[in-house]
Amino acid sequence: MYVRADSLDDLLGKVYRQLLARGTRIEPTKGPAREIYGVLLKLSAPRLRLSRTESRGILFSCLGELLWILAGSNALDFIEHYISEYRKSSDDELTIHGAYGPRMFGKRPNDQLARVISALRSKPDSRQAVIQLFDRRDTLQYHSDIPCTCTMQFVIRDRRLQMLTYMRSNDAWLGLPHDVFAFTMIQELVARSLGVELGEYRHSVGSLHLYERDDKKAIRYLDEGWQPRRPMPPMPQGDPWPSVGRLLVFEEAVRNGDASAVDPRESMEPYWADLATLLAIYKAGKTTGNQNEIKRLKRRLTDEVYAMYINKRYGMVPSVKDQATLFDSGNDAPKAAA
């Protein structure tokens, strides 16, 4: 099956319709599901990576999981702060065996992403810029979690960075939105590192499935409809990794203490400061639920694309500025990938 779309919502809509209509019944370990085997998904505008719906607008967990990967961490307490379900995937209640971060960002010379960037700098037409996440040793003994993602390949064509991910298995309801967010953000980080534009994102899956327990959720999603498409803003030009490092330091401080009083705008470009502010908002909501504090932090945001996710999560009424932004969908075309 081949599915092409410009936005994540358009992609999810097509995927759920296909799975509900023609998915084959299977009985895997985690429960009955519908499956389509051998799927290629293409997202033409990777910055349209966030769902604009009530049910799949999951910005905070997506951002938390991305930073867990970028930190090279396998720590349960880190990811559990954002996604509590990960506890079920831990062998020792301390770590996650299948975590992508250590496999992608191991110590030199095993830092796979650094090697990908170096390879494409020296040979822009290279076909060897591949990251391997699934390892043969993952199946030699039992683990509660092994990587669903096998490989990621990056190529430069027409001065745009294209990316192809191959997954052995993908949960279309829980996993797919998180995976598309994290992997297209990594794609954009590599593109900025190389000084090329962002190209298309391709996502190849062996078993693409929808668990029976999520059938009704998927049906409600299809009936819901979604807001006008709004891409995330472009990542700033230039080397992104110093900014990533500052964001990771801020994330750790917020998660382990209270850095909400620290204004990230003093040390970060607006793009990165907005992501830092979202982390502070999430922490404030998780610890106190104080709407006045959340509103105070929200006023720091430069880009209003994030407002709907904050309003939805914390039951806030959209401001006049939010509403004006909501219906400004002039940036939703496929050129958003540029």
C-alpha atoms as a PDB file:
ATOM      1  CA  MET A   1       0.000   0.000   0.000  1.00  0.00           C
ATOM      2  CA  TYR A   2       1.251   3.483  -0.893  1.00  0.00           C
ATOM      3  CA  VAL A   3      -0.167   6.581   0.826  1.00  0.00           C
ATOM      4  CA  ARG A   4       0.882  10.132   0.016  1.00  0.00           C
ATOM      5  CA  ALA A   5      -0.205  13.274   1.870  1.00  0.00           C
ATOM      6  CA  ASP A   6       0.981  16.785   2.618  1.00  0.00           C
ATOM      7  CA  SER A   7       0.131  16.881   6.341  1.00  0.00           C
ATOM      8  CA  LEU A   8       0.170  14.394   9.204  1.00  0.00           C
ATOM      9  CA  ASP A   9      -3.617  14.642   9.581  1.00  0.00           C
ATOM     10  CA  ASP A  10      -4.190  13.879   5.910  1.00  0.00           C
ATOM     11  CA  LEU A  11      -1.799  10.940   6.221  1.00  0.00           C
ATOM     12  CA  LEU A  12      -3.449   9.559   9.374  1.00  0.00           C
ATOM     13  CA  GLY A  13      -6.900   9.928   7.864  1.00  0.00           C
ATOM     14  CA  LYS A  14      -5.963   7.851   4.830  1.00  0.00           C
ATOM     15  CA  VAL A  15      -4.172   5.248   6.953  1.00  0.00           C
ATOM     16  CA  TYR A  16      -7.083   4.765   9.377  1.00  0.00           C
ATOM     17  CA  ARG A  17      -9.617   4.451   6.562  1.00  0.00           C
ATOM     18  CA  GLN A  18      -7.499   1.785   4.866  1.00  0.00           C
ATOM     19  CA  LEU A  19      -6.899  -0.187   8.061  1.00  0.00           C
ATOM     20  CA  LEU A  20     -10.549  -0.112   9.108  1.00  0.00           C
ATOM     21  CA  ALA A  21     -11.750  -1.079   5.631  1.00  0.00           C
ATOM     22  CA  ARG A  22      -9.254  -3.707   4.539  1.00  0.00           C
ATOM     23  CA  GLY A  23      -6.928  -4.553   7.405  1.00  0.00           C
ATOM     24  CA  THR A  24      -6.278  -8.261   7.958  1.00  0.00           C
ATOM     25  CA  ARG A  25      -7.169  -9.590  11.402  1.00  0.00           C
ATOM     26  CA  ILE A  26      -4.143 -10.699  13.441  1.00  0.00           C
ATOM     27  CA  GLU A  27      -3.643 -11.822  17.063  1.00  0.00           C
ATOM     28  CA  PRO A  28      -0.258 -10.444  18.224  1.00  0.00           C
ATOM     29  CA  THR A  29       0.935 -10.470  21.844  1.00  0.00           C
ATOM     30  CA  LYS A  30      -0.522  -7.057  22.673  1.00  0.00           C
ATOM     31  CA  GLY A  31      -4.042  -7.906  21.509  1.00  0.00           C
ATOM     32  CA  PRO A  32      -6.182  -8.328  18.376  1.00  0.00           C
ATOM     33  CA  ALA A  33      -5.476  -5.880  15.574  1.00  0.00           C
ATOM     34  CA  ARG A  34      -6.044  -5.066  11.920  1.00  0.00           C
ATOM     35  CA  GLU A  35      -2.894  -5.105   9.792  1.00  0.00           C
ATOM     36  CA  ILE A  36      -1.748  -4.071   6.356  1.00  0.00           C
ATOM     37  CA  TYR A  37       1.636  -5.553   5.531  1.00  0.00           C
ATOM     38  CA  GLY A  38       4.155  -3.729   3.367  1.00  0.00           C
ATOM     39  CA  VAL A  39       3.298  -0.012   3.429  1.00  0.00           C
ATOM     40  CA  LEU A  40       5.011   3.132   2.164  1.00  0.00           C
ATOM     41  CA  LEU A  41       3.837   6.480   3.529  1.00  0.00           C
ATOM     42  CA  LYS A  42       5.083   9.774   2.080  1.00  0.00           C
ATOM     43  CA  LEU A  43       4.786  13.140   3.818  1.00  0.00           C
ATOM     44  CA  SER A  44       5.402  15.890   1.279  1.00  0.00           C
ATOM     45  CA  ALA A  45       5.566  18.742   3.824  1.00  0.00           C
ATOM     46  CA  PRO A  46       7.398  17.402   6.894  1.00  0.00           C
ATOM     47  CA  ARG A  47       6.819  20.569   8.942  1.00  0.00           C
ATOM     48  CA  LEU A  48       3.119  19.705   8.917  1.00  0.00           C
ATOM     49  CA  ARG A  49       4.153  17.059  11.438  1.00  0.00           C
ATOM     50  CA  LEU A  50       1.641  17.872  14.191  1.00  0.00           C
ATOM     51  CA  SER A  51      -1.997  16.821  14.192  1.00  0.00           C
ATOM     52  CA  ARG A  52      -4.473  19.697  14.430  1.00  0.00           C
ATOM     53  CA  THR A  53      -7.174  17.592  16.072  1.00  0.00           C
ATOM     54  CA  GLU A  54      -8.562  17.108  19.563  1.00  0.00           C
ATOM     55  CA  SER A  55      -7.598  13.433  19.762  1.00  0.00           C
ATOM     56  CA  ARG A  56      -4.185  13.375  18.054  1.00  0.00           C
ATOM     57  CA  GLY A  57      -2.897  16.876  18.904  1.00  0.00           C
ATOM     58  CA  ILE A  58      -0.219  15.418  21.185  1.00  0.00           C
ATOM     59  CA  LEU A  59       2.510  18.053  21.061  1.00  0.00           C
ATOM     60  CA  PHE A  60       3.931  17.660  24.574  1.00  0.00           C
ATOM     61  CA  SER A  61       4.517  13.894  24.516  1.00  0.00           C
ATOM     62  CA  CYS A  62       5.999  14.163  21.007  1.00  0.00           C
ATOM     63  CA  LEU A  63       8.410  16.885  22.106  1.00  0.00           C
ATOM     64  CA  GLY A  64       9.387  14.993  25.257  1.00  0.00           C
ATOM     65  CA  GLU A  65      10.119  11.800  23.324  1.00  0.00           C
ATOM     66  CA  LEU A  66      12.187  13.693  20.750  1.00  0.00           C
ATOM     67  CA  LEU A  67      14.355  15.253  23.469  1.00  0.00           C
ATOM     68  CA  TRP A  68      14.784  11.867  25.165  1.00  0.00           C
ATOM     69  CA  ILE A  69      16.201  10.587  21.871  1.00  0.00           C
ATOM     70  CA  LEU A  70      18.394  13.641  21.271  1.00  0.00           C
ATOM     71  CA  ALA A  71      19.787  13.359  24.806  1.00  0.00           C
ATOM     72  CA  GLY A  72      20.980   9.836  23.967  1.00  0.00           C
ATOM     73  CA  SER A  73      19.091   8.599  27.012  1.00  0.00           C
ATOM     74  CA  ASN A  74      17.523   5.261  27.865  1.00  0.00           C
ATOM     75  CA  ALA A  75      16.383   6.395  31.335  1.00  0.00           C
ATOM     76  CA  LEU A  76      12.834   5.457  32.279  1.00  0.00           C
ATOM     77  CA  ASP A  77      12.302   8.438  34.603  1.00  0.00           C
ATOM     78  CA  PHE A  78      13.111  10.846  31.746  1.00  0.00           C
ATOM     79  CA  ILE A  79      10.577   9.484  29.246  1.00  0.00           C
ATOM     80  CA  GLU A  80       8.012   8.566  31.908  1.00  0.00           C
ATOM     81  CA  HIS A  81       7.734  12.274  32.727  1.00  0.00           C
ATOM     82  CA  TYR A  82       6.111  12.681  29.299  1.00  0.00           C
ATOM     83  CA  ILE A  83       4.689   9.215  28.514  1.00  0.00           C
ATOM     84  CA  SER A  84       3.768   7.133  31.549  1.00  0.00           C
ATOM     85  CA  GLU A  85       3.036   4.020  29.452  1.00  0.00           C
ATOM     86  CA  TYR A  86       6.765   3.496  28.938  1.00  0.00           C
ATOM     87  CA  ARG A  87       6.991   1.913  32.418  1.00  0.00           C
ATOM     88  CA  LYS A  88       5.400  -1.214  30.934  1.00  0.00           C
ATOM     89  CA  SER A  89       8.341  -1.470  28.517  1.00  0.00           C
ATOM     90  CA  SER A  90      11.116  -1.463  31.117  1.00  0.00           C
ATOM     91  CA  ASP A  91      12.992  -4.639  32.060  1.00  0.00           C
ATOM     92  CA  ASP A  92      14.415  -3.210  35.291  1.00  0.00           C
ATOM     93  CA  GLU A  93      12.204  -0.174  36.108  1.00  0.00           C
ATOM     94  CA  LEU A  94      15.220   2.034  35.406  1.00  0.00           C
ATOM     95  CA  THR A  95      15.904   1.851  31.667  1.00  0.00           C
ATOM     96  CA  ILE A  96      14.313   1.079  28.299  1.00  0.00           C
ATOM     97  CA  HIS A  97      16.287  -1.550  26.386  1.00  0.00           C
ATOM     98  CA  GLY A  98      15.019  -0.467  22.960  1.00  0.00           C
ATOM     99  CA  ALA A  99      15.577   3.289  23.439  1.00  0.00           C
ATOM    100  CA  TYR A 100      16.743   4.929  20.227  1.00  0.00           C
ATOM    101  CA  GLY A 101      18.944   7.603  21.805  1.00  0.00           C
ATOM    102  CA  PRO A 102      21.937   5.467  22.862  1.00  0.00           C
ATOM    103  CA  ARG A 103      21.832   3.612  19.554  1.00  0.00           C
ATOM    104  CA  MET A 104      21.744   6.832  17.524  1.00  0.00           C
ATOM    105  CA  PHE A 105      24.030   8.986  19.676  1.00  0.00           C
ATOM    106  CA  GLY A 106      26.524   6.505  21.138  1.00  0.00           C
ATOM    107  CA  LYS A 107      29.996   7.646  22.122  1.00  0.00           C
ATOM    108  CA  ARG A 108      32.424   8.189  19.263  1.00  0.00           C
ATOM    109  CA  PRO A 109      33.042   6.417  16.945  1.00  0.00           C
ATOM    110  CA  ASN A 110      29.538   4.972  17.405  1.00  0.00           C
ATOM    111  CA  ASP A 111      27.693   8.289  17.088  1.00  0.00           C
ATOM    112  CA  GLN A 112      25.688   7.235  14.045  1.00  0.00           C
ATOM    113  CA  LEU A 113      24.025  10.585  13.340  1.00  0.00           C
ATOM    114  CA  ALA A 114      27.369  12.402  13.375  1.00  0.00           C
ATOM    115  CA  ARG A 115      28.718   9.868  10.890  1.00  0.00           C
ATOM    116  CA  VAL A 116      25.686  10.390   8.629  1.00  0.00           C
ATOM    117  CA  ILE A 117      26.263  14.151   8.595  1.00  0.00           C
ATOM    118  CA  SER A 118      29.999  13.690   7.963  1.00  0.00           C
ATOM    119  CA  ALA A 119      29.358  11.237   5.125  1.00  0.00           C
ATOM    120  CA  LEU A 120      26.933  13.570   3.358  1.00  0.00           C
ATOM    121  CA  ARG A 121      29.250  16.546   3.788  1.00  0.00           C
ATOM    122  CA  SER A 122      32.088  14.707   2.064  1.00  0.00           C
ATOM    123  CA  LYS A 123      29.930  12.896  -0.516  1.00  0.00           C
ATOM    124  CA  PRO A 124      26.587  14.661  -1.090  1.00  0.00           C
ATOM    125  CA  ASP A 125      25.377  11.890  -3.432  1.00  0.00           C
ATOM    126  CA  SER A 126      26.202   9.117  -0.961  1.00  0.00           C
ATOM    127  CA  ARG A 127      23.784   6.242  -0.491  1.00  0.00           C
ATOM    128  CA  GLN A 128      25.559   5.045   2.656  1.00  0.00           C
ATOM    129  CA  ALA A 129      24.182   7.593   5.125  1.00  0.00           C
ATOM    130  CA  VAL A 130      22.226   5.005   7.107  1.00  0.00           C
ATOM    131  CA  ILE A 131      21.466   4.655  10.813  1.00  0.00           C
ATOM    132  CA  GLN A 132      20.749   1.160  12.165  1.00  0.00           C
ATOM    133  CA  LEU A 133      18.570   0.930  15.274  1.00  0.00           C
ATOM    134  CA  PHE A 134      17.338  -2.673  15.353  1.00  0.00           C
ATOM    135  CA  ASP A 135      20.202  -5.052  16.128  1.00  0.00           C
ATOM    136  CA  ARG A 136      20.356  -8.838  15.681  1.00  0.00           C
ATOM    137  CA  ARG A 137      21.229  -9.123  19.396  1.00  0.00           C
ATOM    138  CA  ASP A 138      17.802  -7.692  20.294  1.00  0.00           C
ATOM    139  CA  THR A 139      16.235 -11.069  19.556  1.00  0.00           C
ATOM    140  CA  LEU A 140      18.816 -13.291  21.278  1.00  0.00           C
ATOM    141  CA  GLN A 141      17.154 -12.875  24.667  1.00  0.00           C
ATOM    142  CA  TYR A 142      13.809 -11.575  25.887  1.00  0.00           C
ATOM    143  CA  HIS A 143      13.324  -7.838  26.435  1.00  0.00           C
ATOM    144  CA  SER A 144      10.121  -5.973  27.221  1.00  0.00           C
ATOM    145  CA  ASP A 145      10.973  -3.500  24.459  1.00  0.00           C
ATOM    146  CA  ILE A 146      12.998  -3.831  21.265  1.00  0.00           C
ATOM    147  CA  PRO A 147      13.201  -1.181  18.543  1.00  0.00           C
ATOM    148  CA  CYS A 148      10.347  -1.043  16.057  1.00  0.00           C
ATOM    149  CA  THR A 149      12.542   1.110  13.823  1.00  0.00           C
ATOM    150  CA  CYS A 150      15.172  -0.793  11.852  1.00  0.00           C
ATOM    151  CA  THR A 151      16.927   1.837   9.740  1.00  0.00           C
ATOM    152  CA  MET A 152      16.897   5.485   8.705  1.00  0.00           C
ATOM    153  CA  GLN A 153      18.456   6.560   5.409  1.00  0.00           C
ATOM    154  CA  PHE A 154      19.295  10.140   4.459  1.00  0.00           C
ATOM    155  CA  VAL A 155      20.064  11.268   0.900  1.00  0.00           C
ATOM    156  CA  ILE A 156      20.564  14.666  -0.712  1.00  0.00           C
ATOM    157  CA  ARG A 157      18.793  15.061  -4.023  1.00  0.00           C
ATOM    158  CA  ASP A 158      18.313  18.433  -5.759  1.00  0.00           C
ATOM    159  CA  ARG A 159      19.856  20.091  -2.661  1.00  0.00           C
ATOM    160  CA  ARG A 160      17.057  18.780  -0.475  1.00  0.00           C
ATOM    161  CA  LEU A 161      17.498  16.234   2.291  1.00  0.00           C
ATOM    162  CA  GLN A 162      15.216  13.257   1.758  1.00  0.00           C
ATOM    163  CA  MET A 163      14.685  10.679   4.489  1.00  0.00           C
ATOM    164  CA  LEU A 164      13.442   7.093   4.418  1.00  0.00           C
ATOM    165  CA  THR A 165      12.668   5.213   7.632  1.00  0.00           C
ATOM    166  CA  TYR A 166      12.020   1.478   7.688  1.00  0.00           C
ATOM    167  CA  MET A 167      10.024   0.008  10.584  1.00  0.00           C
ATOM    168  CA  ARG A 168       9.407  -3.667  11.194  1.00  0.00           C
ATOM    169  CA  SER A 169       6.170  -2.789  13.053  1.00  0.00           C
ATOM    170  CA  ASN A 170       4.168   0.383  13.688  1.00  0.00           C
ATOM    171  CA  ASP A 171       1.106   1.044  15.846  1.00  0.00           C
ATOM    172  CA  ALA A 172      -0.923   3.446  13.694  1.00  0.00           C
ATOM    173  CA  TRP A 173      -2.768   4.991  16.649  1.00  0.00           C
ATOM    174  CA  LEU A 174      -0.167   5.437  19.389  1.00  0.00           C
ATOM    175  CA  GLY A 175       3.167   5.163  17.617  1.00  0.00           C
ATOM    176  CA  LEU A 176       2.801   6.686  14.164  1.00  0.00           C
ATOM    177  CA  PRO A 177       2.148  10.341  15.202  1.00  0.00           C
ATOM    178  CA  HIS A 178       5.107  10.261  17.612  1.00  0.00           C
ATOM    179  CA  ASP A 179       7.406   8.627  15.077  1.00  0.00           C
ATOM    180  CA  VAL A 180       6.617  11.074  12.288  1.00  0.00           C
ATOM    181  CA  PHE A 181       7.203  14.026  14.624  1.00  0.00           C
ATOM    182  CA  ALA A 182      10.535  12.772  15.988  1.00  0.00           C
ATOM    183  CA  PHE A 183      11.929  11.523  12.695  1.00  0.00           C
ATOM    184  CA  THR A 184      11.032  14.616  10.652  1.00  0.00           C
ATOM    185  CA  MET A 185      12.570  16.809  13.368  1.00  0.00           C
ATOM    186  CA  ILE A 186      15.762  14.738  13.114  1.00  0.00           C
ATOM    187  CA  GLN A 187      15.547  15.086   9.329  1.00  0.00           C
ATOM    188  CA  GLU A 188      15.377  18.866   9.700  1.00  0.00           C
ATOM    189  CA  LEU A 189      18.314  18.871  12.139  1.00  0.00           C
ATOM    190  CA  VAL A 190      20.427  16.976   9.604  1.00  0.00           C
ATOM    191  CA  ALA A 191      19.301  19.288   6.781  1.00  0.00           C
ATOM    192  CA  ARG A 192      20.333  22.359   8.782  1.00  0.00           C
ATOM    193  CA  SER A 193      23.649  20.720   9.689  1.00  0.00           C
ATOM    194  CA  LEU A 194      24.346  20.262   5.966  1.00  0.00           C
ATOM    195  CA  GLY A 195      23.025  23.632   4.806  1.00  0.00           C
ATOM    196  CA  VAL A 196      20.427  22.095   2.480  1.00  0.00           C
ATOM    197  CA  GLU A 197      16.657  22.419   2.365  1.00  0.00           C
ATOM    198  CA  LEU A 198      14.191  19.989   3.881  1.00  0.00           C
ATOM    199  CA  GLY A 199      12.858  17.453   1.409  1.00  0.00           C
ATOM    200  CA  GLU A 200      10.140  14.807   1.632  1.00  0.00           C
ATOM    201  CA  TYR A 201       9.798  12.217   4.359  1.00  0.00           C
ATOM    202  CA  ARG A 202       9.098   8.562   3.562  1.00  0.00           C
ATOM    203  CA  HIS A 203       8.030   6.004   6.161  1.00  0.00           C
ATOM    204  CA  SER A 204       8.137   2.328   5.188  1.00  0.00           C
ATOM    205  CA  VAL A 205       6.483  -0.234   7.461  1.00  0.00           C
ATOM    206  CA  GLY A 206       6.347  -4.015   7.496  1.00  0.00           C
ATOM    207  CA  SER A 207       3.351  -4.453   9.818  1.00  0.00           C
ATOM    208  CA  LEU A 208       1.235  -1.295  10.003  1.00  0.00           C
ATOM    209  CA  HIS A 209      -1.554  -2.092  12.426  1.00  0.00           C
ATOM    210  CA  LEU A 210      -4.435  -0.698  14.433  1.00  0.00           C
ATOM    211  CA  TYR A 211      -5.294  -2.478  17.677  1.00  0.00           C
ATOM    212  CA  GLU A 212      -8.940  -3.404  18.062  1.00  0.00           C
ATOM    213  CA  ARG A 213      -9.121  -1.390  21.288  1.00  0.00           C
ATOM    214  CA  ASP A 214      -8.379   1.734  19.230  1.00  0.00           C
ATOM    215  CA  ASP A 215     -10.920   1.132  16.428  1.00  0.00           C
ATOM    216  CA  LYS A 216     -13.529   3.453  17.930  1.00  0.00           C
ATOM    217  CA  LYS A 217     -10.925   6.130  18.580  1.00  0.00           C
ATOM    218  CA  ALA A 218      -9.859   6.024  14.941  1.00  0.00           C
ATOM    219  CA  ILE A 219     -13.495   6.261  13.804  1.00  0.00           C
ATOM    220  CA  ARG A 220     -14.049   9.280  16.052  1.00  0.00           C
ATOM    221  CA  TYR A 221     -10.886  10.829  14.655  1.00  0.00           C
ATOM    222  CA  LEU A 222     -12.198  10.460  11.112  1.00  0.00           C
ATOM    223  CA  ASP A 223     -15.547  11.979  12.106  1.00  0.00           C
ATOM    224  CA  GLU A 224     -13.916  14.840  14.003  1.00  0.00           C
ATOM    225  CA  GLY A 225     -12.292  16.742  11.171  1.00  0.00           C
ATOM    226  CA  TRP A 226      -9.331  18.994  11.846  1.00  0.00           C
ATOM    227  CA  GLN A 227      -8.268  22.610  12.015  1.00  0.00           C
ATOM    228  CA  PRO A 228      -6.658  24.416   9.042  1.00  0.00           C
ATOM    229  CA  ARG A 229      -3.158  23.105   8.434  1.00  0.00           C
ATOM    230  CA  ARG A 230      -0.335  25.023  10.099  1.00  0.00           C
ATOM    231  CA  PRO A 231       3.308  23.981   9.767  1.00  0.00           C
ATOM    232  CA  MET A 232       5.821  24.329  12.527  1.00  0.00           C
ATOM    233  CA  PRO A 233       8.139  27.265  11.805  1.00  0.00           C
ATOM    234  CA  PRO A 234      11.365  26.510   9.927  1.00  0.00           C
ATOM    235  CA  MET A 235      14.331  25.619  12.090  1.00  0.00           C
ATOM    236  CA  PRO A 236      16.868  28.486  12.089  1.00  0.00           C
ATOM    237  CA  GLN A 237      19.654  28.310   9.518  1.00  0.00           C
ATOM    238  CA  GLY A 238      23.120  27.251  10.638  1.00  0.00           C
ATOM    239  CA  ASP A 239      24.477  24.578  12.957  1.00  0.00           C
ATOM    240  CA  PRO A 240      21.554  23.544  15.208  1.00  0.00           C
ATOM    241  CA  TRP A 241      23.474  21.431  17.731  1.00  0.00           C
ATOM    242  CA  PRO A 242      24.573  24.188  20.156  1.00  0.00           C
ATOM    243  CA  SER A 243      20.894  25.172  20.424  1.00  0.00           C
ATOM    244  CA  VAL A 244      19.882  21.543  20.909  1.00  0.00           C
ATOM    245  CA  GLY A 245      22.433  21.308  23.719  1.00  0.00           C
ATOM    246  CA  ARG A 246      21.012  24.386  25.467  1.00  0.00           C
ATOM    247  CA  LEU A 247      17.472  23.053  25.077  1.00  0.00           C
ATOM    248  CA  LEU A 248      18.462  19.722  26.622  1.00  0.00           C
ATOM    249  CA  VAL A 249      20.053  21.478  29.608  1.00  0.00           C
ATOM    250  CA  PHE A 250      16.862  23.507  30.057  1.00  0.00           C
ATOM    251  CA  GLU A 251      14.694  20.395  29.758  1.00  0.00           C
ATOM    252  CA  GLU A 252      16.625  18.586  32.477  1.00  0.00           C
ATOM    253  CA  ALA A 253      16.404  21.589  34.794  1.00  0.00           C
ATOM    254  CA  VAL A 254      12.654  21.907  34.273  1.00  0.00           C
ATOM    255  CA  ARG A 255      11.979  18.198  34.650  1.00  0.00           C
ATOM    256  CA  ASN A 256      14.053  17.832  37.807  1.00  0.00           C
ATOM    257  CA  GLY A 257      13.224  21.122  39.477  1.00  0.00           C
ATOM    258  CA  ASP A 258      11.539  24.380  38.598  1.00  0.00           C
ATOM    259  CA  ALA A 259      13.120  26.465  35.886  1.00  0.00           C
ATOM    260  CA  SER A 260       9.849  28.146  34.906  1.00  0.00           C
ATOM    261  CA  ALA A 261      11.206  31.428  36.275  1.00  0.00           C
ATOM    262  CA  VAL A 262      14.165  31.231  33.873  1.00  0.00           C
ATOM    263  CA  ASP A 263      13.290  32.969  30.611  1.00  0.00           C
ATOM    264  CA  PRO A 264      14.828  30.954  27.754  1.00  0.00           C
ATOM    265  CA  ARG A 265      14.515  33.961  25.444  1.00  0.00           C
ATOM    266  CA  GLU A 266      17.619  35.362  27.119  1.00  0.00           C
ATOM    267  CA  SER A 267      19.854  32.556  25.821  1.00  0.00           C
ATOM    268  CA  MET A 268      18.032  30.990  22.857  1.00  0.00           C
ATOM    269  CA  GLU A 269      16.766  32.003  19.436  1.00  0.00           C
ATOM    270  CA  PRO A 270      12.949  32.361  19.282  1.00  0.00           C
ATOM    271  CA  TYR A 271      12.441  28.949  17.649  1.00  0.00           C
ATOM    272  CA  TRP A 272      14.291  27.113  20.428  1.00  0.00           C
ATOM    273  CA  ALA A 273      12.985  29.395  23.178  1.00  0.00           C
ATOM    274  CA  ASP A 274       9.434  28.468  22.158  1.00  0.00           C
ATOM    275  CA  LEU A 275      10.214  24.760  22.558  1.00  0.00           C
ATOM    276  CA  ALA A 276      11.784  25.462  25.951  1.00  0.00           C
ATOM    277  CA  THR A 277       8.715  27.430  27.003  1.00  0.00           C
ATOM    278  CA  LEU A 278       6.483  24.508  26.030  1.00  0.00           C
ATOM    279  CA  LEU A 279       8.507  22.323  28.416  1.00  0.00           C
ATOM    280  CA  ALA A 280       7.992  24.844  31.216  1.00  0.00           C
ATOM    281  CA  ILE A 281       4.258  24.976  30.478  1.00  0.00           C
ATOM    282  CA  TYR A 282       4.032  21.188  30.609  1.00  0.00           C
ATOM    283  CA  LYS A 283       5.866  21.085  33.926  1.00  0.00           C
ATOM    284  CA  ALA A 284       3.620  23.806  35.381  1.00  0.00           C
ATOM    285  CA  GLY A 285       0.532  21.910  34.293  1.00  0.00           C
ATOM    286  CA  LYS A 286       1.876  18.635  35.654  1.00  0.00           C
ATOM    287  CA  THR A 287       2.868  19.972  39.081  1.00  0.00           C
ATOM    288  CA  THR A 288       0.372  22.731  39.938  1.00  0.00           C
ATOM    289  CA  GLY A 289      -2.147  23.042  37.116  1.00  0.00           C
ATOM    290  CA  ASN A 290      -2.115  26.780  37.824  1.00  0.00           C
ATOM    291  CA  GLN A 291      -3.723  28.369  34.771  1.00  0.00           C
ATOM    292  CA  ASN A 292      -2.407  31.822  35.616  1.00  0.00           C
ATOM    293  CA  GLU A 293       1.143  30.464  35.532  1.00  0.00           C
ATOM    294  CA  ILE A 294       0.456  28.626  32.278  1.00  0.00           C
ATOM    295  CA  LYS A 295      -1.001  31.794  30.749  1.00  0.00           C
ATOM    296  CA  ARG A 296       2.055  33.770  31.898  1.00  0.00           C
ATOM    297  CA  LEU A 297       4.386  31.294  30.242  1.00  0.00           C
ATOM    298  CA  LYS A 298       2.233  31.105  27.123  1.00  0.00           C
ATOM    299  CA  ARG A 299       2.697  34.836  26.563  1.00  0.00           C
ATOM    300  CA  ARG A 300       6.397  34.180  26.001  1.00  0.00           C
ATOM    301  CA  LEU A 301       5.718  32.201  22.823  1.00  0.00           C
ATOM    302  CA  THR A 302       6.780  33.788  19.552  1.00  0.00           C
ATOM    303  CA  ASP A 303       4.826  31.492  17.219  1.00  0.00           C
ATOM    304  CA  GLU A 304       1.097  31.030  17.780  1.00  0.00           C
ATOM    305  CA  VAL A 305       1.094  27.625  16.070  1.00  0.00           C
ATOM    306  CA  TYR A 306       1.441  26.050  19.527  1.00  0.00           C
ATOM    307  CA  ALA A 307      -1.476  27.881  21.145  1.00  0.00           C
ATOM    308  CA  MET A 308      -4.175  25.358  20.250  1.00  0.00           C
ATOM    309  CA  TYR A 309      -2.279  22.516  21.955  1.00  0.00           C
ATOM    310  CA  ILE A 310      -1.958  24.511  25.170  1.00  0.00           C
ATOM    311  CA  ASN A 311      -5.599  25.609  25.055  1.00  0.00           C
ATOM    312  CA  LYS A 312      -6.785  22.044  24.473  1.00  0.00           C
ATOM    313  CA  ARG A 313      -4.669  20.429  27.161  1.00  0.00           C
ATOM    314  CA  TYR A 314      -5.425  22.987  29.863  1.00  0.00           C
ATOM    315  CA  GLY A 315      -9.011  23.871  28.968  1.00  0.00           C
ATOM    316  CA  MET A 316      -8.263  27.450  28.002  1.00  0.00           C
ATOM    317  CA  VAL A 317     -10.464  29.658  25.846  1.00  0.00           C
ATOM    318  CA  PRO A 318      -8.556  30.771  22.725  1.00  0.00           C
ATOM    319  CA  SER A 319      -7.548  34.417  22.781  1.00  0.00           C
ATOM    320  CA  VAL A 320      -8.410  36.809  19.949  1.00  0.00           C
ATOM    321  CA  LYS A 321      -4.820  36.396  18.750  1.00  0.00           C
ATOM    322  CA  ASP A 322      -5.154  32.599  18.853  1.00  0.00           C
ATOM    323  CA  GLN A 323      -8.364  32.719  16.837  1.00  0.00           C
ATOM    324  CA  ALA A 324      -6.848  35.011  14.225  1.00  0.00           C
ATOM    325  CA  THR A 325      -3.951  32.577  13.840  1.00  0.00           C
ATOM    326  CA  LEU A 326      -6.252  29.546  13.726  1.00  0.00           C
ATOM    327  CA  PHE A 327      -7.894  30.650  10.511  1.00  0.00           C
ATOM    328  CA  ASP A 328      -4.706  31.882   8.855  1.00  0.00           C
ATOM    329  CA  SER A 329      -3.923  28.773   6.850  1.00  0.00           C
ATOM    330  CA  GLY A 330      -1.911  30.479   4.140  1.00  0.00           C
ATOM    331  CA  ASN A 331       1.244  28.499   5.012  1.00  0.00           C
ATOM    332  CA  ASP A 332      -0.250  25.025   4.642  1.00  0.00           C
ATOM    333  CA  ALA A 333       0.865  24.216   1.119  1.00  0.00           C
ATOM    334  CA  PRO A 334       3.445  21.555   0.321  1.00  0.00           C
ATOM    335  CA  LYS A 335       6.051  24.321  -0.077  1.00  0.00           C
ATOM    336  CA  ALA A 336       6.208  24.169   3.744  1.00  0.00           C
ATOM    337  CA  ALA A 337       8.857  21.516   3.250  1.00  0.00           C
ATOM    338  CA  ALA A 338      11.236  24.092   1.828  1.00  0.00           C
END
